Amino acid sequence: MNRFGDISKFNGAIQFLCSDAASFITGVFLPVDGVLLLLVGFKC
């Protein structure tokens, strides 16, 4: 991708999480980062 996202790229995830379709999702780490997490890694 080689570019940073802007706030409009988060709309789909936000709409889903605010909808009834996401009513069963609780306590999950949901990265919305355009695969950046896979490229740089994640350490707890």
PDB file of N, CA and C in Angstrom:
ATOM      1  N   MET A   1       0.832  -1.179   0.000  1.00  0.00           N
ATOM      2  CA  MET A   1       0.000   0.000   0.000  1.00  0.00           C
ATOM      3  C   MET A   1       0.878   1.245   0.000  1.00  0.00           C
ATOM      4  N   ASN A   2       1.897   1.251   0.844  1.00  0.00           N
ATOM      5  CA  ASN A   2       2.881   2.326   0.839  1.00  0.00           C
ATOM      6  C   ASN A   2       2.286   3.715   1.047  1.00  0.00           C
ATOM      7  N   ARG A   3       1.269   3.794   1.894  1.00  0.00           N
ATOM      8  CA  ARG A   3       0.667   5.094   2.207  1.00  0.00           C
ATOM      9  C   ARG A   3      -0.048   4.992   3.542  1.00  0.00           C
ATOM     10  N   PHE A   4      -0.233   6.123   4.178  1.00  0.00           N
ATOM     11  CA  PHE A   4      -0.995   6.167   5.418  1.00  0.00           C
ATOM     12  C   PHE A   4      -2.473   6.305   5.098  1.00  0.00           C
ATOM     13  N   GLY A   5      -3.294   5.698   5.916  1.00  0.00           N
ATOM     14  CA  GLY A   5      -4.738   5.839   5.749  1.00  0.00           C
ATOM     15  C   GLY A   5      -5.227   7.129   6.388  1.00  0.00           C
ATOM     16  N   ASP A   6      -6.437   7.495   6.072  1.00  0.00           N
ATOM     17  CA  ASP A   6      -7.041   8.642   6.728  1.00  0.00           C
ATOM     18  C   ASP A   6      -8.301   8.174   7.454  1.00  0.00           C
ATOM     19  N   ILE A   7      -8.932   9.060   8.151  1.00  0.00           N
ATOM     20  CA  ILE A   7     -10.066   8.704   9.006  1.00  0.00           C
ATOM     21  C   ILE A   7     -11.213   8.071   8.226  1.00  0.00           C
ATOM     22  N   SER A   8     -11.348   8.391   6.959  1.00  0.00           N
ATOM     23  CA  SER A   8     -12.445   7.814   6.176  1.00  0.00           C
ATOM     24  C   SER A   8     -12.272   6.310   5.976  1.00  0.00           C
ATOM     25  N   LYS A   9     -11.065   5.801   6.115  1.00  0.00           N
ATOM     26  CA  LYS A   9     -10.815   4.370   5.952  1.00  0.00           C
ATOM     27  C   LYS A   9     -11.348   3.555   7.130  1.00  0.00           C
ATOM     28  N   PHE A  10     -11.627   4.205   8.246  1.00  0.00           N
ATOM     29  CA  PHE A  10     -12.128   3.517   9.430  1.00  0.00           C
ATOM     30  C   PHE A  10     -13.644   3.364   9.426  1.00  0.00           C
ATOM     31  N   ASN A  11     -14.315   4.014   8.499  1.00  0.00           N
ATOM     32  CA  ASN A  11     -15.782   4.029   8.497  1.00  0.00           C
ATOM     33  C   ASN A  11     -16.399   2.638   8.499  1.00  0.00           C
ATOM     34  N   GLY A  12     -15.899   1.742   7.673  1.00  0.00           N
ATOM     35  CA  GLY A  12     -16.473   0.399   7.594  1.00  0.00           C
ATOM     36  C   GLY A  12     -16.384  -0.343   8.914  1.00  0.00           C
ATOM     37  N   ALA A  13     -15.227  -0.286   9.551  1.00  0.00           N
ATOM     38  CA  ALA A  13     -15.048  -0.963  10.836  1.00  0.00           C
ATOM     39  C   ALA A  13     -15.922  -0.339  11.914  1.00  0.00           C
ATOM     40  N   ILE A  14     -16.009   0.971  11.932  1.00  0.00           N
ATOM     41  CA  ILE A  14     -16.832   1.658  12.932  1.00  0.00           C
ATOM     42  C   ILE A  14     -18.303   1.346  12.726  1.00  0.00           C
ATOM     43  N   GLN A  15     -18.758   1.374  11.486  1.00  0.00           N
ATOM     44  CA  GLN A  15     -20.163   1.054  11.209  1.00  0.00           C
ATOM     45  C   GLN A  15     -20.490  -0.374  11.609  1.00  0.00           C
ATOM     46  N   PHE A  16     -19.584  -1.304  11.325  1.00  0.00           N
ATOM     47  CA  PHE A  16     -19.819  -2.689  11.712  1.00  0.00           C
ATOM     48  C   PHE A  16     -19.881  -2.840  13.227  1.00  0.00           C
ATOM     49  N   LEU A  17     -18.920  -2.260  13.940  1.00  0.00           N
ATOM     50  CA  LEU A  17     -18.880  -2.412  15.390  1.00  0.00           C
ATOM     51  C   LEU A  17     -20.065  -1.755  16.083  1.00  0.00           C
ATOM     52  N   CYS A  18     -20.657  -0.755  15.459  1.00  0.00           N
ATOM     53  CA  CYS A  18     -21.831  -0.087  16.031  1.00  0.00           C
ATOM     54  C   CYS A  18     -23.140  -0.736  15.599  1.00  0.00           C
ATOM     55  N   SER A  19     -23.072  -1.741  14.753  1.00  0.00           N
ATOM     56  CA  SER A  19     -24.290  -2.363  14.237  1.00  0.00           C
ATOM     57  C   SER A  19     -24.683  -3.577  15.081  1.00  0.00           C
ATOM     58  N   ASP A  20     -25.888  -4.060  14.846  1.00  0.00           N
ATOM     59  CA  ASP A  20     -26.360  -5.265  15.526  1.00  0.00           C
ATOM     60  C   ASP A  20     -25.561  -6.497  15.120  1.00  0.00           C
ATOM     61  N   ALA A  21     -24.945  -6.470  13.951  1.00  0.00           N
ATOM     62  CA  ALA A  21     -24.155  -7.613  13.489  1.00  0.00           C
ATOM     63  C   ALA A  21     -22.955  -7.881  14.395  1.00  0.00           C
ATOM     64  N   ALA A  22     -22.499  -6.880  15.126  1.00  0.00           N
ATOM     65  CA  ALA A  22     -21.343  -7.027  16.006  1.00  0.00           C
ATOM     66  C   ALA A  22     -21.745  -7.226  17.463  1.00  0.00           C
ATOM     67  N   SER A  23     -22.993  -7.537  17.713  1.00  0.00           N
ATOM     68  CA  SER A  23     -23.471  -7.635  19.096  1.00  0.00           C
ATOM     69  C   SER A  23     -22.814  -8.771  19.874  1.00  0.00           C
ATOM     70  N   PHE A  24     -22.218  -9.736  19.210  1.00  0.00           N
ATOM     71  CA  PHE A  24     -21.584 -10.864  19.885  1.00  0.00           C
ATOM     72  C   PHE A  24     -20.089 -10.629  20.109  1.00  0.00           C
ATOM     73  N   ILE A  25     -19.553  -9.518  19.613  1.00  0.00           N
ATOM     74  CA  ILE A  25     -18.129  -9.218  19.753  1.00  0.00           C
ATOM     75  C   ILE A  25     -17.907  -8.462  21.056  1.00  0.00           C
ATOM     76  N   THR A  26     -17.078  -9.050  21.930  1.00  0.00           N
ATOM     77  CA  THR A  26     -16.720  -8.394  23.193  1.00  0.00           C
ATOM     78  C   THR A  26     -15.256  -8.670  23.497  1.00  0.00           C
ATOM     79  N   GLY A  27     -14.565  -7.706  24.025  1.00  0.00           N
ATOM     80  CA  GLY A  27     -13.203  -7.880  24.498  1.00  0.00           C
ATOM     81  C   GLY A  27     -12.216  -8.415  23.481  1.00  0.00           C
ATOM     82  N   VAL A  28     -12.226  -7.871  22.301  1.00  0.00           N
ATOM     83  CA  VAL A  28     -11.315  -8.349  21.264  1.00  0.00           C
ATOM     84  C   VAL A  28     -10.381  -7.215  20.839  1.00  0.00           C
ATOM     85  N   PHE A  29      -9.155  -7.563  20.513  1.00  0.00           N
ATOM     86  CA  PHE A  29      -8.203  -6.618  19.940  1.00  0.00           C
ATOM     87  C   PHE A  29      -8.411  -6.637  18.441  1.00  0.00           C
ATOM     88  N   LEU A  30      -8.945  -5.567  17.903  1.00  0.00           N
ATOM     89  CA  LEU A  30      -9.291  -5.515  16.484  1.00  0.00           C
ATOM     90  C   LEU A  30      -8.485  -4.416  15.802  1.00  0.00           C
ATOM     91  N   PRO A  31      -7.303  -4.760  15.271  1.00  0.00           N
ATOM     92  CA  PRO A  31      -6.510  -3.729  14.610  1.00  0.00           C
ATOM     93  C   PRO A  31      -7.130  -3.306  13.279  1.00  0.00           C
ATOM     94  N   VAL A  32      -7.228  -2.024  13.088  1.00  0.00           N
ATOM     95  CA  VAL A  32      -7.682  -1.459  11.809  1.00  0.00           C
ATOM     96  C   VAL A  32      -6.535  -0.555  11.352  1.00  0.00           C
ATOM     97  N   ASP A  33      -5.508  -1.210  10.809  1.00  0.00           N
ATOM     98  CA  ASP A  33      -4.268  -0.492  10.538  1.00  0.00           C
ATOM     99  C   ASP A  33      -3.710  -0.712   9.138  1.00  0.00           C
ATOM    100  N   GLY A  34      -4.477  -1.332   8.260  1.00  0.00           N
ATOM    101  CA  GLY A  34      -3.990  -1.552   6.898  1.00  0.00           C
ATOM    102  C   GLY A  34      -2.782  -2.470   6.834  1.00  0.00           C
ATOM    103  N   VAL A  35      -2.725  -3.483   7.656  1.00  0.00           N
ATOM    104  CA  VAL A  35      -1.686  -4.509   7.713  1.00  0.00           C
ATOM    105  C   VAL A  35      -0.381  -3.998   8.329  1.00  0.00           C
ATOM    106  N   LEU A  36      -0.355  -2.798   8.858  1.00  0.00           N
ATOM    107  CA  LEU A  36       0.856  -2.266   9.472  1.00  0.00           C
ATOM    108  C   LEU A  36       1.328  -3.161  10.611  1.00  0.00           C
ATOM    109  N   LEU A  37       0.404  -3.712  11.379  1.00  0.00           N
ATOM    110  CA  LEU A  37       0.760  -4.578  12.501  1.00  0.00           C
ATOM    111  C   LEU A  37       1.560  -5.792  12.036  1.00  0.00           C
ATOM    112  N   LEU A  38       1.208  -6.364  10.901  1.00  0.00           N
ATOM    113  CA  LEU A  38       1.951  -7.508  10.371  1.00  0.00           C
ATOM    114  C   LEU A  38       3.343  -7.113   9.901  1.00  0.00           C
ATOM    115  N   LEU A  39       3.478  -5.907   9.397  1.00  0.00           N
ATOM    116  CA  LEU A  39       4.762  -5.481   8.845  1.00  0.00           C
ATOM    117  C   LEU A  39       5.768  -5.111   9.918  1.00  0.00           C
ATOM    118  N   VAL A  40       5.317  -4.471  10.996  1.00  0.00           N
ATOM    119  CA  VAL A  40       6.241  -4.021  12.036  1.00  0.00           C
ATOM    120  C   VAL A  40       6.272  -4.954  13.232  1.00  0.00           C
ATOM    121  N   GLY A  41       5.306  -5.840  13.353  1.00  0.00           N
ATOM    122  CA  GLY A  41       5.258  -6.773  14.469  1.00  0.00           C
ATOM    123  C   GLY A  41       4.538  -6.188  15.667  1.00  0.00           C
ATOM    124  N   PHE A  42       4.200  -7.067  16.595  1.00  0.00           N
ATOM    125  CA  PHE A  42       3.481  -6.651  17.802  1.00  0.00           C
ATOM    126  C   PHE A  42       4.031  -7.425  18.976  1.00  0.00           C
ATOM    127  N   LYS A  43       4.439  -6.721  20.013  1.00  0.00           N
ATOM    128  CA  LYS A  43       4.959  -7.370  21.214  1.00  0.00           C
ATOM    129  C   LYS A  43       4.162  -6.896  22.413  1.00  0.00           C
ATOM    130  N   CYS A  44       3.714  -7.843  23.209  1.00  0.00           N
ATOM    131  CA  CYS A  44       2.987  -7.510  24.442  1.00  0.00           C
ATOM    132  C   CYS A  44       3.959  -7.307  25.568  1.00  0.00           C
TER     133      CYS A  44
END
